[in-house]
PDB file of N, CA and C in Angstrom:
ATOM      1  N   MET A   1      18.412 -23.568  12.050  1.00  0.00           N
ATOM      2  CA  MET A   1      17.435 -22.471  12.132  1.00  0.00           C
ATOM      3  C   MET A   1      17.379 -21.757  10.781  1.00  0.00           C
ATOM      4  N   ALA A   2      16.191 -21.566  10.307  1.00  0.00           N
ATOM      5  CA  ALA A   2      16.011 -21.000   8.972  1.00  0.00           C
ATOM      6  C   ALA A   2      15.773 -19.497   8.998  1.00  0.00           C
ATOM      7  N   TYR A   3      15.892 -18.893  10.164  1.00  0.00           N
ATOM      8  CA  TYR A   3      15.725 -17.446  10.252  1.00  0.00           C
ATOM      9  C   TYR A   3      16.866 -16.883  11.086  1.00  0.00           C
ATOM     10  N   ARG A   4      16.990 -15.572  11.086  1.00  0.00           N
ATOM     11  CA  ARG A   4      18.062 -14.929  11.848  1.00  0.00           C
ATOM     12  C   ARG A   4      17.469 -13.922  12.806  1.00  0.00           C
ATOM     13  N   ARG A   5      17.920 -13.946  14.050  1.00  0.00           N
ATOM     14  CA  ARG A   5      17.515 -12.941  15.026  1.00  0.00           C
ATOM     15  C   ARG A   5      18.409 -11.720  14.831  1.00  0.00           C
ATOM     16  N   ILE A   6      17.794 -10.542  14.772  1.00  0.00           N
ATOM     17  CA  ILE A   6      18.567  -9.319  14.586  1.00  0.00           C
ATOM     18  C   ILE A   6      18.149  -8.281  15.622  1.00  0.00           C
ATOM     19  N   SER A   7      19.037  -7.336  15.860  1.00  0.00           N
ATOM     20  CA  SER A   7      18.772  -6.255  16.810  1.00  0.00           C
ATOM     21  C   SER A   7      17.834  -5.227  16.177  1.00  0.00           C
ATOM     22  N   ILE A   8      17.302  -4.335  17.012  1.00  0.00           N
ATOM     23  CA  ILE A   8      16.441  -3.285  16.458  1.00  0.00           C
ATOM     24  C   ILE A   8      17.240  -2.364  15.535  1.00  0.00           C
ATOM     25  N   ASP A   9      18.522  -2.176  15.804  1.00  0.00           N
ATOM     26  CA  ASP A   9      19.345  -1.337  14.922  1.00  0.00           C
ATOM     27  C   ASP A   9      19.517  -1.990  13.551  1.00  0.00           C
ATOM     28  N   GLU A  10      19.750  -3.311  13.546  1.00  0.00           N
ATOM     29  CA  GLU A  10      19.862  -4.028  12.267  1.00  0.00           C
ATOM     30  C   GLU A  10      18.518  -3.994  11.533  1.00  0.00           C
ATOM     31  N   ALA A  11      17.431  -4.132  12.289  1.00  0.00           N
ATOM     32  CA  ALA A  11      16.095  -4.086  11.690  1.00  0.00           C
ATOM     33  C   ALA A  11      15.830  -2.715  11.079  1.00  0.00           C
ATOM     34  N   LYS A  12      16.214  -1.665  11.782  1.00  0.00           N
ATOM     35  CA  LYS A  12      16.023  -0.290  11.282  1.00  0.00           C
ATOM     36  C   LYS A  12      16.785  -0.098   9.972  1.00  0.00           C
ATOM     37  N   ALA A  13      18.002  -0.613   9.908  1.00  0.00           N
ATOM     38  CA  ALA A  13      18.801  -0.502   8.679  1.00  0.00           C
ATOM     39  C   ALA A  13      18.128  -1.258   7.535  1.00  0.00           C
ATOM     40  N   LEU A  14      17.561  -2.412   7.834  1.00  0.00           N
ATOM     41  CA  LEU A  14      16.860  -3.210   6.838  1.00  0.00           C
ATOM     42  C   LEU A  14      15.626  -2.466   6.323  1.00  0.00           C
ATOM     43  N   VAL A  15      14.857  -1.891   7.244  1.00  0.00           N
ATOM     44  CA  VAL A  15      13.656  -1.132   6.892  1.00  0.00           C
ATOM     45  C   VAL A  15      14.031   0.095   6.060  1.00  0.00           C
ATOM     46  N   ASP A  16      15.058   0.810   6.504  1.00  0.00           N
ATOM     47  CA  ASP A  16      15.488   2.023   5.797  1.00  0.00           C
ATOM     48  C   ASP A  16      15.997   1.715   4.389  1.00  0.00           C
ATOM     49  N   ALA A  17      16.607   0.550   4.201  1.00  0.00           N
ATOM     50  CA  ALA A  17      17.129   0.158   2.892  1.00  0.00           C
ATOM     51  C   ALA A  17      15.989  -0.166   1.915  1.00  0.00           C
ATOM     52  N   GLY A  18      14.834  -0.535   2.456  1.00  0.00           N
ATOM     53  CA  GLY A  18      13.682  -0.851   1.612  1.00  0.00           C
ATOM     54  C   GLY A  18      13.741  -2.265   1.073  1.00  0.00           C
ATOM     55  N   GLY A  19      12.671  -2.643   0.389  1.00  0.00           N
ATOM     56  CA  GLY A  19      12.622  -3.961  -0.223  1.00  0.00           C
ATOM     57  C   GLY A  19      12.369  -5.099   0.742  1.00  0.00           C
ATOM     58  N   VAL A  20      11.882  -4.776   1.927  1.00  0.00           N
ATOM     59  CA  VAL A  20      11.606  -5.801   2.932  1.00  0.00           C
ATOM     60  C   VAL A  20      10.118  -5.777   3.287  1.00  0.00           C
ATOM     61  N   THR A  21       9.541  -6.960   3.469  1.00  0.00           N
ATOM     62  CA  THR A  21       8.173  -7.071   3.960  1.00  0.00           C
ATOM     63  C   THR A  21       8.246  -7.066   5.482  1.00  0.00           C
ATOM     64  N   ILE A  22       7.424  -6.244   6.127  1.00  0.00           N
ATOM     65  CA  ILE A  22       7.445  -6.135   7.586  1.00  0.00           C
ATOM     66  C   ILE A  22       6.160  -6.732   8.128  1.00  0.00           C
ATOM     67  N   GLY A  23       6.298  -7.775   8.942  1.00  0.00           N
ATOM     68  CA  GLY A  23       5.139  -8.449   9.512  1.00  0.00           C
ATOM     69  C   GLY A  23       5.058  -8.234  11.013  1.00  0.00           C
ATOM     70  N   ASP A  24       3.932  -7.706  11.457  1.00  0.00           N
ATOM     71  CA  ASP A  24       3.671  -7.461  12.883  1.00  0.00           C
ATOM     72  C   ASP A  24       2.787  -8.604  13.371  1.00  0.00           C
ATOM     73  N   VAL A  25       3.298  -9.441  14.285  1.00  0.00           N
ATOM     74  CA  VAL A  25       2.542 -10.603  14.743  1.00  0.00           C
ATOM     75  C   VAL A  25       1.790 -10.349  16.053  1.00  0.00           C
ATOM     76  N   ARG A  26       1.671  -9.078  16.444  1.00  0.00           N
ATOM     77  CA  ARG A  26       0.892  -8.731  17.641  1.00  0.00           C
ATOM     78  C   ARG A  26      -0.600  -8.750  17.311  1.00  0.00           C
ATOM     79  N   ASP A  27      -1.437  -8.624  18.333  1.00  0.00           N
ATOM     80  CA  ASP A  27      -2.883  -8.617  18.096  1.00  0.00           C
ATOM     81  C   ASP A  27      -3.295  -7.337  17.356  1.00  0.00           C
ATOM     82  N   ALA A  28      -4.477  -7.405  16.766  1.00  0.00           N
ATOM     83  CA  ALA A  28      -4.971  -6.309  15.918  1.00  0.00           C
ATOM     84  C   ALA A  28      -5.093  -4.984  16.660  1.00  0.00           C
ATOM     85  N   ASP A  29      -5.509  -5.015  17.928  1.00  0.00           N
ATOM     86  CA  ASP A  29      -5.647  -3.772  18.697  1.00  0.00           C
ATOM     87  C   ASP A  29      -4.295  -3.096  18.907  1.00  0.00           C
ATOM     88  N   SER A  30      -3.282  -3.891  19.262  1.00  0.00           N
ATOM     89  CA  SER A  30      -1.938  -3.331  19.447  1.00  0.00           C
ATOM     90  C   SER A  30      -1.403  -2.779  18.138  1.00  0.00           C
ATOM     91  N   PHE A  31      -1.630  -3.522  17.053  1.00  0.00           N
ATOM     92  CA  PHE A  31      -1.191  -3.085  15.736  1.00  0.00           C
ATOM     93  C   PHE A  31      -1.858  -1.765  15.359  1.00  0.00           C
ATOM     94  N   SER A  32      -3.165  -1.663  15.613  1.00  0.00           N
ATOM     95  CA  SER A  32      -3.912  -0.442  15.291  1.00  0.00           C
ATOM     96  C   SER A  32      -3.424   0.748  16.106  1.00  0.00           C
ATOM     97  N   ALA A  33      -3.029   0.498  17.336  1.00  0.00           N
ATOM     98  CA  ALA A  33      -2.575   1.575  18.222  1.00  0.00           C
ATOM     99  C   ALA A  33      -1.242   2.162  17.754  1.00  0.00           C
ATOM    100  N   ALA A  34      -0.322   1.301  17.309  1.00  0.00           N
ATOM    101  CA  ALA A  34       1.000   1.754  16.855  1.00  0.00           C
ATOM    102  C   ALA A  34       1.724   0.589  16.199  1.00  0.00           C
ATOM    103  N   CYS A  35       2.477   0.897  15.145  1.00  0.00           N
ATOM    104  CA  CYS A  35       3.256  -0.143  14.467  1.00  0.00           C
ATOM    105  C   CYS A  35       4.404   0.518  13.702  1.00  0.00           C
ATOM    106  N   ILE A  36       5.311  -0.308  13.215  1.00  0.00           N
ATOM    107  CA  ILE A  36       6.378   0.190  12.352  1.00  0.00           C
ATOM    108  C   ILE A  36       5.738   0.569  11.019  1.00  0.00           C
ATOM    109  N   GLU A  37       6.152   1.693  10.468  1.00  0.00           N
ATOM    110  CA  GLU A  37       5.589   2.175   9.206  1.00  0.00           C
ATOM    111  C   GLU A  37       5.656   1.093   8.128  1.00  0.00           C
ATOM    112  N   ASN A  38       4.564   0.922   7.390  1.00  0.00           N
ATOM    113  CA  ASN A  38       4.414  -0.049   6.299  1.00  0.00           C
ATOM    114  C   ASN A  38       4.317  -1.504   6.761  1.00  0.00           C
ATOM    115  N   ALA A  39       4.174  -1.730   8.061  1.00  0.00           N
ATOM    116  CA  ALA A  39       4.028  -3.102   8.554  1.00  0.00           C
ATOM    117  C   ALA A  39       2.644  -3.641   8.199  1.00  0.00           C
ATOM    118  N   ILE A  40       2.581  -4.953   8.094  1.00  0.00           N
ATOM    119  CA  ILE A  40       1.328  -5.656   7.823  1.00  0.00           C
ATOM    120  C   ILE A  40       1.022  -6.488   9.066  1.00  0.00           C
ATOM    121  N   ASN A  41      -0.211  -6.409   9.552  1.00  0.00           N
ATOM    122  CA  ASN A  41      -0.591  -7.217  10.711  1.00  0.00           C
ATOM    123  C   ASN A  41      -0.785  -8.663  10.244  1.00  0.00           C
ATOM    124  N   VAL A  42       0.013  -9.552  10.802  1.00  0.00           N
ATOM    125  CA  VAL A  42      -0.048 -10.967  10.440  1.00  0.00           C
ATOM    126  C   VAL A  42      -0.678 -11.719  11.607  1.00  0.00           C
ATOM    127  N   ALA A  43      -1.963 -11.977  11.486  1.00  0.00           N
ATOM    128  CA  ALA A  43      -2.703 -12.689  12.520  1.00  0.00           C
ATOM    129  C   ALA A  43      -3.403 -13.878  11.876  1.00  0.00           C
ATOM    130  N   HIS A  44      -3.986 -14.742  12.696  1.00  0.00           N
ATOM    131  CA  HIS A  44      -4.687 -15.906  12.146  1.00  0.00           C
ATOM    132  C   HIS A  44      -5.735 -15.479  11.126  1.00  0.00           C
ATOM    133  N   GLU A  45      -6.444 -14.388  11.418  1.00  0.00           N
ATOM    134  CA  GLU A  45      -7.523 -13.921  10.546  1.00  0.00           C
ATOM    135  C   GLU A  45      -7.006 -13.403   9.202  1.00  0.00           C
ATOM    136  N   THR A  46      -5.776 -12.921   9.159  1.00  0.00           N
ATOM    137  CA  THR A  46      -5.251 -12.315   7.934  1.00  0.00           C
ATOM    138  C   THR A  46      -4.197 -13.187   7.252  1.00  0.00           C
ATOM    139  N   MET A  47      -3.927 -14.367   7.809  1.00  0.00           N
ATOM    140  CA  MET A  47      -2.829 -15.208   7.308  1.00  0.00           C
ATOM    141  C   MET A  47      -2.997 -15.606   5.846  1.00  0.00           C
ATOM    142  N   ASP A  48      -4.180 -16.071   5.453  1.00  0.00           N
ATOM    143  CA  ASP A  48      -4.375 -16.515   4.069  1.00  0.00           C
ATOM    144  C   ASP A  48      -4.111 -15.394   3.081  1.00  0.00           C
ATOM    145  N   GLU A  49      -4.628 -14.207   3.396  1.00  0.00           N
ATOM    146  CA  GLU A  49      -4.414 -13.063   2.517  1.00  0.00           C
ATOM    147  C   GLU A  49      -2.928 -12.684   2.474  1.00  0.00           C
ATOM    148  N   PHE A  50      -2.282 -12.685   3.639  1.00  0.00           N
ATOM    149  CA  PHE A  50      -0.857 -12.357   3.705  1.00  0.00           C
ATOM    150  C   PHE A  50      -0.049 -13.311   2.828  1.00  0.00           C
ATOM    151  N   LEU A  51      -0.321 -14.597   2.941  1.00  0.00           N
ATOM    152  CA  LEU A  51       0.420 -15.595   2.163  1.00  0.00           C
ATOM    153  C   LEU A  51       0.144 -15.457   0.664  1.00  0.00           C
ATOM    154  N   ALA A  52      -1.068 -15.053   0.319  1.00  0.00           N
ATOM    155  CA  ALA A  52      -1.438 -14.921  -1.097  1.00  0.00           C
ATOM    156  C   ALA A  52      -0.733 -13.750  -1.771  1.00  0.00           C
ATOM    157  N   VAL A  53      -0.456 -12.685  -1.026  1.00  0.00           N
ATOM    158  CA  VAL A  53       0.092 -11.472  -1.648  1.00  0.00           C
ATOM    159  C   VAL A  53       1.573 -11.223  -1.355  1.00  0.00           C
ATOM    160  N   THR A  54       2.197 -12.053  -0.534  1.00  0.00           N
ATOM    161  CA  THR A  54       3.575 -11.795  -0.115  1.00  0.00           C
ATOM    162  C   THR A  54       4.576 -12.614  -0.919  1.00  0.00           C
ATOM    163  N   ASP A  55       5.600 -11.939  -1.417  1.00  0.00           N
ATOM    164  CA  ASP A  55       6.670 -12.576  -2.182  1.00  0.00           C
ATOM    165  C   ASP A  55       7.591 -13.325  -1.221  1.00  0.00           C
ATOM    166  N   LYS A  56       7.664 -14.645  -1.361  1.00  0.00           N
ATOM    167  CA  LYS A  56       8.478 -15.469  -0.454  1.00  0.00           C
ATOM    168  C   LYS A  56       9.975 -15.286  -0.678  1.00  0.00           C
ATOM    169  N   ASN A  57      10.359 -14.678  -1.808  1.00  0.00           N
ATOM    170  CA  ASN A  57      11.772 -14.456  -2.096  1.00  0.00           C
ATOM    171  C   ASN A  57      12.271 -13.100  -1.593  1.00  0.00           C
ATOM    172  N   LYS A  58      11.351 -12.299  -1.100  1.00  0.00           N
ATOM    173  CA  LYS A  58      11.696 -10.973  -0.572  1.00  0.00           C
ATOM    174  C   LYS A  58      11.990 -11.129   0.928  1.00  0.00           C
ATOM    175  N   PRO A  59      12.958 -10.384   1.474  1.00  0.00           N
ATOM    176  CA  PRO A  59      13.225 -10.490   2.912  1.00  0.00           C
ATOM    177  C   PRO A  59      11.969 -10.193   3.738  1.00  0.00           C
ATOM    178  N   LEU A  60      11.788 -10.951   4.820  1.00  0.00           N
ATOM    179  CA  LEU A  60      10.640 -10.804   5.703  1.00  0.00           C
ATOM    180  C   LEU A  60      11.140 -10.507   7.116  1.00  0.00           C
ATOM    181  N   LEU A  61      10.767  -9.347   7.624  1.00  0.00           N
ATOM    182  CA  LEU A  61      11.120  -8.943   8.992  1.00  0.00           C
ATOM    183  C   LEU A  61       9.881  -9.101   9.862  1.00  0.00           C
ATOM    184  N   LEU A  62      10.003  -9.882  10.921  1.00  0.00           N
ATOM    185  CA  LEU A  62       8.885 -10.113  11.834  1.00  0.00           C
ATOM    186  C   LEU A  62       9.187  -9.527  13.203  1.00  0.00           C
ATOM    187  N   TYR A  63       8.154  -8.967  13.818  1.00  0.00           N
ATOM    188  CA  TYR A  63       8.307  -8.495  15.197  1.00  0.00           C
ATOM    189  C   TYR A  63       7.017  -8.706  15.964  1.00  0.00           C
ATOM    190  N   CYS A  64       7.166  -8.755  17.287  1.00  0.00           N
ATOM    191  CA  CYS A  64       6.015  -8.937  18.176  1.00  0.00           C
ATOM    192  C   CYS A  64       6.147  -7.900  19.296  1.00  0.00           C
ATOM    193  N   TYR A  65       5.741  -8.248  20.500  1.00  0.00           N
ATOM    194  CA  TYR A  65       5.836  -7.307  21.619  1.00  0.00           C
ATOM    195  C   TYR A  65       7.280  -7.151  22.110  1.00  0.00           C
ATOM    196  N   HIS A  66       7.927  -8.302  22.410  1.00  0.00           N
ATOM    197  CA  HIS A  66       9.258  -8.256  23.023  1.00  0.00           C
ATOM    198  C   HIS A  66      10.299  -9.125  22.309  1.00  0.00           C
ATOM    199  N   GLY A  67       9.928  -9.759  21.208  1.00  0.00           N
ATOM    200  CA  GLY A  67      10.896 -10.548  20.440  1.00  0.00           C
ATOM    201  C   GLY A  67      10.812 -12.044  20.636  1.00  0.00           C
ATOM    202  N   ASN A  68       9.811 -12.533  21.353  1.00  0.00           N
ATOM    203  CA  ASN A  68       9.684 -13.976  21.569  1.00  0.00           C
ATOM    204  C   ASN A  68       8.743 -14.638  20.565  1.00  0.00           C
ATOM    205  N   SER A  69       7.532 -14.129  20.445  1.00  0.00           N
ATOM    206  CA  SER A  69       6.548 -14.717  19.527  1.00  0.00           C
ATOM    207  C   SER A  69       7.007 -14.637  18.069  1.00  0.00           C
ATOM    208  N   SER A  70       7.761 -13.609  17.749  1.00  0.00           N
ATOM    209  CA  SER A  70       8.215 -13.462  16.360  1.00  0.00           C
ATOM    210  C   SER A  70       9.179 -14.580  15.971  1.00  0.00           C
ATOM    211  N   GLN A  71       9.864 -15.183  16.941  1.00  0.00           N
ATOM    212  CA  GLN A  71      10.758 -16.304  16.619  1.00  0.00           C
ATOM    213  C   GLN A  71       9.949 -17.523  16.171  1.00  0.00           C
ATOM    214  N   GLY A  72       8.842 -17.789  16.860  1.00  0.00           N
ATOM    215  CA  GLY A  72       7.972 -18.885  16.454  1.00  0.00           C
ATOM    216  C   GLY A  72       7.369 -18.625  15.086  1.00  0.00           C
ATOM    217  N   ALA A  73       6.964 -17.374  14.870  1.00  0.00           N
ATOM    218  CA  ALA A  73       6.398 -16.999  13.570  1.00  0.00           C
ATOM    219  C   ALA A  73       7.451 -17.151  12.471  1.00  0.00           C
ATOM    220  N   ALA A  74       8.681 -16.753  12.757  1.00  0.00           N
ATOM    221  CA  ALA A  74       9.766 -16.864  11.775  1.00  0.00           C
ATOM    222  C   ALA A  74       9.988 -18.324  11.396  1.00  0.00           C
ATOM    223  N   ASN A  75       9.956 -19.191  12.382  1.00  0.00           N
ATOM    224  CA  ASN A  75      10.106 -20.620  12.130  1.00  0.00           C
ATOM    225  C   ASN A  75       8.975 -21.124  11.233  1.00  0.00           C
ATOM    226  N   TYR A  76       7.757 -20.698  11.529  1.00  0.00           N
ATOM    227  CA  TYR A  76       6.575 -21.084  10.749  1.00  0.00           C
ATOM    228  C   TYR A  76       6.717 -20.638   9.293  1.00  0.00           C
ATOM    229  N   PHE A  77       7.133 -19.387   9.072  1.00  0.00           N
ATOM    230  CA  PHE A  77       7.260 -18.882   7.709  1.00  0.00           C
ATOM    231  C   PHE A  77       8.398 -19.576   6.953  1.00  0.00           C
ATOM    232  N   SER A  78       9.433 -19.996   7.664  1.00  0.00           N
ATOM    233  CA  SER A  78      10.510 -20.726   6.986  1.00  0.00           C
ATOM    234  C   SER A  78       9.985 -22.070   6.485  1.00  0.00           C
ATOM    235  N   GLU A  79       9.093 -22.698   7.257  1.00  0.00           N
ATOM    236  CA  GLU A  79       8.484 -23.962   6.833  1.00  0.00           C
ATOM    237  C   GLU A  79       7.573 -23.763   5.620  1.00  0.00           C
ATOM    238  N   LEU A  80       7.054 -22.557   5.445  1.00  0.00           N
ATOM    239  CA  LEU A  80       6.183 -22.256   4.306  1.00  0.00           C
ATOM    240  C   LEU A  80       6.971 -21.844   3.058  1.00  0.00           C
ATOM    241  N   GLY A  81       8.306 -21.821   3.161  1.00  0.00           N
ATOM    242  CA  GLY A  81       9.125 -21.561   1.989  1.00  0.00           C
ATOM    243  C   GLY A  81       9.663 -20.150   1.846  1.00  0.00           C
ATOM    244  N   PHE A  82       9.484 -19.302   2.871  1.00  0.00           N
ATOM    245  CA  PHE A  82      10.096 -17.974   2.811  1.00  0.00           C
ATOM    246  C   PHE A  82      11.606 -18.153   2.897  1.00  0.00           C
ATOM    247  N   VAL A  83      12.338 -17.394   2.100  1.00  0.00           N
ATOM    248  CA  VAL A  83      13.773 -17.615   1.943  1.00  0.00           C
ATOM    249  C   VAL A  83      14.622 -16.861   2.965  1.00  0.00           C
ATOM    250  N   GLU A  84      14.306 -15.595   3.196  1.00  0.00           N
ATOM    251  CA  GLU A  84      15.139 -14.732   4.055  1.00  0.00           C
ATOM    252  C   GLU A  84      14.256 -14.116   5.140  1.00  0.00           C
ATOM    253  N   ILE A  85      14.392 -14.627   6.365  1.00  0.00           N
ATOM    254  CA  ILE A  85      13.495 -14.223   7.448  1.00  0.00           C
ATOM    255  C   ILE A  85      14.300 -13.699   8.634  1.00  0.00           C
ATOM    256  N   TYR A  86      13.818 -12.603   9.200  1.00  0.00           N
ATOM    257  CA  TYR A  86      14.449 -11.997  10.368  1.00  0.00           C
ATOM    258  C   TYR A  86      13.430 -11.840  11.485  1.00  0.00           C
ATOM    259  N   SER A  87      13.851 -12.145  12.700  1.00  0.00           N
ATOM    260  CA  SER A  87      13.043 -11.912  13.884  1.00  0.00           C
ATOM    261  C   SER A  87      13.734 -10.813  14.685  1.00  0.00           C
ATOM    262  N   MET A  88      13.003  -9.745  14.992  1.00  0.00           N
ATOM    263  CA  MET A  88      13.594  -8.590  15.667  1.00  0.00           C
ATOM    264  C   MET A  88      13.608  -8.776  17.183  1.00  0.00           C
ATOM    265  N   ASP A  89      14.804  -8.899  17.747  1.00  0.00           N
ATOM    266  CA  ASP A  89      14.960  -9.011  19.200  1.00  0.00           C
ATOM    267  C   ASP A  89      14.493  -7.719  19.871  1.00  0.00           C
ATOM    268  N   GLY A  90      13.820  -7.867  20.993  1.00  0.00           N
ATOM    269  CA  GLY A  90      13.335  -6.696  21.722  1.00  0.00           C
ATOM    270  C   GLY A  90      11.930  -6.290  21.320  1.00  0.00           C
ATOM    271  N   GLY A  91      11.508  -6.700  20.116  1.00  0.00           N
ATOM    272  CA  GLY A  91      10.158  -6.437  19.640  1.00  0.00           C
ATOM    273  C   GLY A  91       9.812  -4.963  19.514  1.00  0.00           C
ATOM    274  N   PHE A  92       8.516  -4.719  19.366  1.00  0.00           N
ATOM    275  CA  PHE A  92       8.051  -3.356  19.139  1.00  0.00           C
ATOM    276  C   PHE A  92       8.326  -2.444  20.324  1.00  0.00           C
ATOM    277  N   GLU A  93       8.310  -2.996  21.533  1.00  0.00           N
ATOM    278  CA  GLU A  93       8.566  -2.163  22.716  1.00  0.00           C
ATOM    279  C   GLU A  93       9.958  -1.530  22.642  1.00  0.00           C
ATOM    280  N   ALA A  94      10.964  -2.316  22.284  1.00  0.00           N
ATOM    281  CA  ALA A  94      12.328  -1.784  22.156  1.00  0.00           C
ATOM    282  C   ALA A  94      12.415  -0.789  21.006  1.00  0.00           C
ATOM    283  N   TRP A  95      11.752  -1.115  19.891  1.00  0.00           N
ATOM    284  CA  TRP A  95      11.735  -0.210  18.725  1.00  0.00           C
ATOM    285  C   TRP A  95      11.116   1.128  19.103  1.00  0.00           C
ATOM    286  N   ARG A  96       9.978   1.056  19.772  1.00  0.00           N
ATOM    287  CA  ARG A  96       9.226   2.270  20.140  1.00  0.00           C
ATOM    288  C   ARG A  96      10.059   3.166  21.070  1.00  0.00           C
ATOM    289  N   GLN A  97      10.771   2.543  21.979  1.00  0.00           N
ATOM    290  CA  GLN A  97      11.592   3.326  22.920  1.00  0.00           C
ATOM    291  C   GLN A  97      12.753   4.021  22.223  1.00  0.00           C
ATOM    292  N   LYS A  98      13.294   3.395  21.178  1.00  0.00           N
ATOM    293  CA  LYS A  98      14.452   3.983  20.509  1.00  0.00           C
ATOM    294  C   LYS A  98      14.072   4.868  19.327  1.00  0.00           C
ATOM    295  N   TYR A  99      13.068   4.453  18.548  1.00  0.00           N
ATOM    296  CA  TYR A  99      12.727   5.185  17.320  1.00  0.00           C
ATOM    297  C   TYR A  99      11.370   5.842  17.413  1.00  0.00           C
TER     298      TYR A  99
END
């Protein structure tokens, strides 16, 4: 496995430390309603732009609704050459409840 699953607490520490790209793989409406600060909506429609502007050597934190879809996305990004990828267990719902 080319990515690591992390808890929302580990994800929060990563976000707070800075220097991480945050990718939200939920649909655009959910993203517009609420997201982690500085997250980028990564959807089929925005994928080309995301890949063009994102540093593959910078850590990439991915999240979805509950932590399942982000694992598939993490696998996909590892195949595209991203070096350090994290999938947040519990997804945005767990994050929202705690933070």
